[in-house]
Amino acid sequence: MGKTREIKKRIKAVANIRRITKTMQMIATSKFSKAQQRALASKPYSRGIFELVTELAASARDTAHPLIRGPRGVQEGAGHLTLVLTSDRGLCGPYNGTILRTAMAHLRSLPEQGPIELVGRKGAGFFRFSRMPVARHHTQFGDTPAYEDVQRLAQDYMDRFVGGQITGVSVVYMRYISAGRQSPEVLTLLPLKAGADMTGPVDPGTQIERGAVYEFSPSVEELLDDLLPKAVKVTLCQCFSDAVVSEHVARMIAMKAATDNAGKMGKALTRQYNRARQAQITTELTEIISGAAALE
């Protein structure tokens, strides 16, 4: 009797877990749909402004902007800054582990490691365990990072880069390619590399013809002063959007797997309960028949 009661409690616990994971899967699916719309809506603009900057920089080869060539003087002790985008919550499968492994490989490859900045709570424990100090931990972004917050962060990086406080900025994040494919990547945000693929695959029909000769009005310097900061801000914002979408995809897949496993475990426990109950009934019948036979 005790064994069947214990199995029944486990069946009830597994059913409760399955309801929770199913609910979390539905929530993640809803958030993924909204985040995907935002990320995909901003990609054409990100790609367009970066193609425009690339064409402009290629047409004006004698113009060297500080965001492209770097600062004229670098302060002593300045290094390459690394921004790591992790999630605030767990239960998203290998999402955070993959990003952190990519970040560690990138940090080991740097000739001069600079400050490490972190977004999300899940990466804090990892860097603390690795005994790697985090210069700044950004907690203001959440599931829906506002463009104004990302813009302020990008402007801070540009000011520090032009001022020679840092030699460059890299962003380690999960790039969203499709619902079935996400890739951990290290993007060099500063110095801005004209011609680099920073926003994903480009449709050949949308590419700008190279080698054309232009007359600029206003001047190339004025255009670059306006477009390059925008390209940096938009690129960083796209990184945040991709990271949020990829997190929701990972959580959706993880919760679906957990729900399926809970369903399978529930069926296995039900079979085990039925067998135990059948054995118990058989034992009771055997005892009754044996007692009746003894009375005869």
Protein backbone atom coordinates (compact mmCIF):
# COMPACT_ATOMS: atom_id res chain seq x y z
CA MET A 1 0.00 0.00 0.00
CA GLY A 2 2.86 2.34 0.86
CA LYS A 3 4.48 1.87 -2.55
CA THR A 4 1.34 2.73 -4.52
CA ARG A 5 0.73 5.81 -2.36
CA GLU A 6 4.28 7.00 -3.03
CA ILE A 7 3.92 6.45 -6.80
CA LYS A 8 0.62 8.33 -6.78
CA LYS A 9 2.28 11.32 -5.09
CA ARG A 10 5.02 11.29 -7.74
CA ILE A 11 2.40 11.19 -10.52
CA LYS A 12 0.70 14.23 -9.01
CA ALA A 13 4.03 16.09 -8.66
CA VAL A 14 4.99 15.34 -12.28
CA ALA A 15 1.56 16.53 -13.47
CA ASN A 16 2.02 19.82 -11.58
CA ILE A 17 5.49 20.27 -13.10
CA ARG A 18 4.09 19.60 -16.58
CA ARG A 19 1.42 22.27 -16.12
CA ILE A 20 4.06 24.80 -15.04
CA THR A 21 6.44 24.04 -17.93
CA LYS A 22 3.54 24.13 -20.40
CA THR A 23 2.55 27.56 -19.14
CA MET A 24 6.14 28.80 -19.34
CA GLN A 25 6.37 27.46 -22.90
CA MET A 26 3.26 29.40 -23.90
CA ILE A 27 4.59 32.59 -22.29
CA ALA A 28 7.96 32.18 -24.04
CA THR A 29 6.19 31.61 -27.37
CA SER A 30 4.18 34.81 -26.95
CA LYS A 31 7.26 36.84 -25.99
CA PHE A 32 9.24 35.32 -28.85
CA SER A 33 6.62 36.35 -31.39
CA LYS A 34 6.69 39.99 -30.23
CA ALA A 35 10.48 40.14 -29.96
CA GLN A 36 10.88 38.56 -33.39
CA GLN A 37 8.67 41.21 -34.97
CA ARG A 38 10.77 43.98 -33.39
CA ALA A 39 14.08 42.40 -34.42
CA LEU A 40 13.05 41.69 -38.00
CA ALA A 41 11.47 45.14 -38.40
CA SER A 42 14.73 46.89 -37.48
CA LYS A 43 17.07 44.76 -39.62
CA PRO A 44 16.35 46.46 -42.99
CA TYR A 45 17.12 49.86 -41.44
CA SER A 46 20.28 48.54 -39.77
CA ARG A 47 21.47 46.97 -43.02
CA GLY A 48 20.57 50.05 -45.05
CA ILE A 49 22.41 52.55 -42.86
CA PHE A 50 25.46 50.32 -42.67
CA GLU A 51 25.55 49.85 -46.46
CA LEU A 52 25.32 53.62 -46.82
CA VAL A 53 28.23 54.14 -44.41
CA THR A 54 30.24 51.46 -46.21
CA GLU A 55 29.70 53.08 -49.62
CA LEU A 56 30.45 56.52 -48.24
CA ALA A 57 33.68 55.42 -46.55
CA ALA A 58 34.80 53.53 -49.66
CA SER A 59 34.16 56.56 -51.89
CA ALA A 60 36.12 58.89 -49.61
CA ARG A 61 39.33 56.96 -49.05
CA ASP A 62 41.30 60.02 -47.94
CA THR A 63 38.93 60.69 -45.04
CA ALA A 64 39.82 59.03 -41.73
CA HIS A 65 37.12 59.26 -39.07
CA PRO A 66 38.06 58.57 -35.41
CA LEU A 67 35.40 55.84 -35.15
CA ILE A 68 37.08 54.00 -38.06
CA ARG A 69 40.81 54.66 -37.61
CA GLY A 70 40.70 54.85 -33.80
CA PRO A 71 41.89 57.57 -31.40
CA ARG A 72 45.07 59.53 -32.07
CA GLY A 73 46.40 58.84 -28.57
CA VAL A 74 45.68 55.96 -26.21
CA GLN A 75 45.82 56.36 -22.44
CA GLU A 76 48.15 54.16 -20.44
CA GLY A 77 46.53 50.90 -19.39
CA ALA A 78 43.74 51.16 -21.97
CA GLY A 79 42.52 47.83 -23.32
CA HIS A 80 39.82 46.28 -25.46
CA LEU A 81 36.39 46.43 -23.79
CA THR A 82 34.15 43.35 -24.01
CA LEU A 83 30.37 43.55 -23.53
CA VAL A 84 28.70 40.19 -22.81
CA LEU A 85 24.92 39.87 -23.30
CA THR A 86 23.38 37.17 -21.07
CA SER A 87 19.84 36.66 -19.76
CA ASP A 88 18.26 37.80 -16.50
CA ARG A 89 16.44 34.49 -15.98
CA GLY A 90 17.40 30.87 -16.43
CA LEU A 91 15.51 27.83 -17.74
CA CYS A 92 16.65 28.61 -21.30
CA GLY A 93 18.75 25.55 -22.03
CA PRO A 94 22.38 26.07 -23.15
CA TYR A 95 21.82 29.74 -24.06
CA ASN A 96 23.93 31.36 -21.34
CA GLY A 97 26.55 28.61 -21.28
CA THR A 98 27.18 28.97 -25.02
CA ILE A 99 27.57 32.75 -24.79
CA LEU A 100 29.89 32.56 -21.79
CA ARG A 101 32.12 29.95 -23.43
CA THR A 102 32.35 32.16 -26.53
CA ALA A 103 33.17 35.16 -24.32
CA MET A 104 35.96 33.28 -22.52
CA ALA A 105 37.52 32.17 -25.81
CA HIS A 106 37.40 35.78 -27.04
CA LEU A 107 38.93 37.16 -23.83
CA ARG A 108 41.80 34.67 -24.00
CA SER A 109 42.55 35.71 -27.60
CA LEU A 110 42.88 39.42 -26.79
CA PRO A 111 46.47 40.72 -26.66
CA GLU A 112 45.45 43.42 -24.17
CA GLN A 113 42.33 42.55 -22.20
CA GLY A 114 40.37 45.57 -21.08
CA PRO A 115 37.30 45.99 -18.90
CA ILE A 116 34.48 43.45 -18.99
CA GLU A 117 30.92 44.74 -18.97
CA LEU A 118 27.91 42.48 -18.47
CA VAL A 119 24.22 42.57 -19.31
CA GLY A 120 21.97 40.08 -17.50
CA ARG A 121 22.18 38.44 -14.08
CA LYS A 122 23.12 34.92 -15.22
CA GLY A 123 26.64 35.85 -16.25
CA ALA A 124 27.52 37.49 -12.91
CA GLY A 125 27.98 34.21 -11.03
CA PHE A 126 30.12 32.77 -13.83
CA PHE A 127 32.58 35.67 -13.84
CA ARG A 128 32.65 35.71 -10.05
CA PHE A 129 33.52 32.00 -10.03
CA SER A 130 36.16 32.57 -12.74
CA ARG A 131 37.61 35.42 -10.62
CA MET A 132 37.32 37.86 -13.49
CA PRO A 133 36.20 41.31 -12.30
CA VAL A 134 33.23 42.89 -14.09
CA ALA A 135 33.72 46.63 -14.50
CA ARG A 136 30.02 47.43 -15.01
CA HIS A 137 26.90 45.32 -14.67
CA HIS A 138 24.00 46.77 -16.67
CA THR A 139 20.61 45.81 -15.22
CA GLN A 140 18.41 48.46 -16.86
CA PHE A 141 17.60 46.68 -20.13
CA GLY A 142 15.38 43.68 -19.26
CA ASP A 143 13.31 41.76 -21.83
CA THR A 144 12.51 44.82 -23.95
CA PRO A 145 15.63 47.02 -24.14
CA ALA A 146 14.66 50.60 -24.96
CA TYR A 147 16.50 52.28 -27.79
CA GLU A 148 17.22 55.30 -25.58
CA ASP A 149 19.10 53.13 -23.05
CA VAL A 150 21.09 51.36 -25.78
CA GLN A 151 21.80 54.72 -27.41
CA ARG A 152 23.25 56.12 -24.19
CA LEU A 153 25.45 53.03 -23.77
CA ALA A 154 26.70 53.28 -27.37
CA GLN A 155 27.42 57.00 -26.96
CA ASP A 156 29.40 56.27 -23.79
CA TYR A 157 31.49 53.70 -25.68
CA MET A 158 32.15 56.12 -28.54
CA ASP A 159 33.20 58.89 -26.17
CA ARG A 160 35.59 56.59 -24.31
CA PHE A 161 36.96 55.17 -27.57
CA VAL A 162 37.61 58.58 -29.16
CA GLY A 163 39.10 59.79 -25.87
CA GLY A 164 41.60 56.93 -25.84
CA GLN A 165 40.26 55.27 -22.65
CA ILE A 166 39.65 52.01 -24.54
CA THR A 167 41.19 50.62 -27.72
CA GLY A 168 38.03 48.93 -29.02
CA VAL A 169 34.66 47.41 -28.13
CA SER A 170 33.47 43.88 -28.82
CA VAL A 171 29.98 42.52 -28.17
CA VAL A 172 29.48 38.83 -27.38
CA TYR A 173 25.86 37.88 -28.04
CA MET A 174 23.60 35.26 -29.60
CA ARG A 175 22.83 36.23 -33.17
CA TYR A 176 19.31 35.37 -34.33
CA ILE A 177 19.28 33.85 -37.81
CA SER A 178 15.96 31.98 -37.79
CA ALA A 179 13.65 30.24 -35.34
CA GLY A 180 15.67 27.07 -35.76
CA ARG A 181 19.15 28.59 -35.84
CA GLN A 182 20.99 30.96 -33.50
CA SER A 183 24.73 31.47 -33.47
CA PRO A 184 27.00 32.87 -30.71
CA GLU A 185 29.10 35.64 -32.20
CA VAL A 186 31.71 38.22 -31.27
CA LEU A 187 31.00 41.50 -33.05
CA THR A 188 33.62 44.24 -33.22
CA LEU A 189 31.61 47.38 -32.57
CA LEU A 190 34.55 49.78 -32.40
CA PRO A 191 36.58 50.57 -34.38
CA LEU A 192 33.80 50.44 -36.95
CA LYS A 193 34.86 48.22 -39.83
CA ALA A 194 33.32 49.39 -43.07
CA GLY A 195 32.30 46.44 -45.17
CA ALA A 196 31.89 44.02 -42.25
CA ASP A 197 28.74 41.92 -42.09
CA MET A 198 27.16 43.24 -38.90
CA THR A 199 23.45 42.77 -39.54
CA GLY A 200 23.16 39.36 -41.19
CA PRO A 201 22.89 38.05 -44.74
CA VAL A 202 22.22 40.69 -47.39
CA ASP A 203 19.82 40.19 -50.24
CA PRO A 204 21.87 40.55 -53.47
CA GLY A 205 19.08 42.64 -54.94
CA THR A 206 19.50 45.29 -52.23
CA GLN A 207 23.26 45.74 -52.47
CA ILE A 208 24.57 49.10 -53.56
CA GLU A 209 26.66 49.21 -56.70
CA ARG A 210 30.32 49.66 -55.84
CA GLY A 211 32.80 51.86 -57.65
CA ALA A 212 30.41 54.71 -58.50
CA VAL A 213 31.69 58.31 -58.30
CA TYR A 214 29.71 60.75 -56.17
CA GLU A 215 29.71 64.45 -55.44
CA PHE A 216 28.91 65.01 -51.77
CA SER A 217 26.84 67.81 -50.37
CA PRO A 218 27.35 68.41 -47.47
CA SER A 219 30.96 67.29 -47.25
CA VAL A 220 32.06 63.71 -46.59
CA GLU A 221 33.28 64.66 -43.10
CA GLU A 222 29.89 66.07 -42.12
CA LEU A 223 28.08 63.03 -43.47
CA LEU A 224 30.37 60.64 -41.62
CA ASP A 225 30.04 62.65 -38.41
CA ASP A 226 26.29 62.13 -38.62
CA LEU A 227 26.06 58.59 -40.04
CA LEU A 228 28.85 56.74 -38.20
CA PRO A 229 27.47 57.33 -34.67
CA LYS A 230 24.04 56.29 -35.92
CA ALA A 231 25.51 53.11 -37.40
CA VAL A 232 27.18 52.24 -34.08
CA LYS A 233 23.98 52.86 -32.10
CA VAL A 234 21.77 50.93 -34.51
CA THR A 235 24.22 48.01 -34.66
CA LEU A 236 24.36 47.73 -30.86
CA CYS A 237 20.57 47.95 -30.67
CA GLN A 238 20.32 45.12 -33.22
CA CYS A 239 22.63 43.01 -31.04
CA PHE A 240 20.33 43.52 -28.06
CA SER A 241 17.25 42.66 -30.15
CA ASP A 242 18.85 39.48 -31.50
CA ALA A 243 19.92 38.45 -28.00
CA VAL A 244 16.38 38.86 -26.63
CA VAL A 245 14.80 36.88 -29.48
CA SER A 246 17.38 34.10 -29.15
CA GLU A 247 16.76 33.89 -25.39
CA HIS A 248 13.02 33.44 -25.90
CA VAL A 249 13.62 30.79 -28.58
CA ALA A 250 15.96 28.88 -26.24
CA ARG A 251 13.48 29.07 -23.35
CA MET A 252 10.61 27.99 -25.60
CA ILE A 253 12.55 24.93 -26.80
CA ALA A 254 13.72 24.06 -23.28
CA MET A 255 10.23 24.29 -21.81
CA LYS A 256 8.76 22.22 -24.65
CA ALA A 257 11.37 19.52 -24.00
CA ALA A 258 10.62 19.66 -20.26
CA THR A 259 6.88 19.37 -20.94
CA ASP A 260 7.37 16.37 -23.23
CA ASN A 261 9.66 14.67 -20.71
CA ALA A 262 7.17 15.27 -17.91
CA GLY A 263 4.44 13.71 -20.04
CA LYS A 264 6.57 10.65 -20.73
CA MET A 265 7.49 10.32 -17.06
CA GLY A 266 3.83 10.60 -16.09
CA LYS A 267 2.90 7.74 -18.43
CA ALA A 268 5.77 5.61 -17.11
CA LEU A 269 4.73 6.26 -13.51
CA THR A 270 1.10 5.44 -14.37
CA ARG A 271 2.17 2.06 -15.77
CA GLN A 272 4.31 1.48 -12.72
CA TYR A 273 1.36 2.37 -10.47
CA ASN A 274 -0.95 0.02 -12.34
CA ARG A 275 1.52 -2.84 -12.03
CA ALA A 276 2.03 -2.18 -8.32
CA ARG A 277 -1.72 -1.95 -7.75
CA GLN A 278 -2.31 -5.16 -9.71
CA ALA A 279 0.36 -6.96 -7.68
CA GLN A 280 -1.19 -5.66 -4.48
CA ILE A 281 -4.66 -6.87 -5.49
CA THR A 282 -3.24 -10.26 -6.46
CA THR A 283 -1.52 -10.54 -3.07
CA GLU A 284 -4.72 -9.63 -1.24
CA LEU A 285 -6.74 -12.19 -3.21
CA THR A 286 -4.12 -14.85 -2.54
CA GLU A 287 -4.28 -14.14 1.20
CA ILE A 288 -8.09 -14.28 1.19
CA ILE A 289 -8.17 -17.59 -0.70
CA SER A 290 -5.46 -19.04 1.51
CA GLY A 291 -7.36 -18.00 4.65
CA ALA A 292 -10.61 -19.50 3.34
CA ALA A 293 -8.85 -22.74 2.45
CA ALA A 294 -7.33 -22.91 5.96
CA LEU A 295 -10.78 -22.62 7.57
CA GLU A 296 -12.04 -25.58 5.62
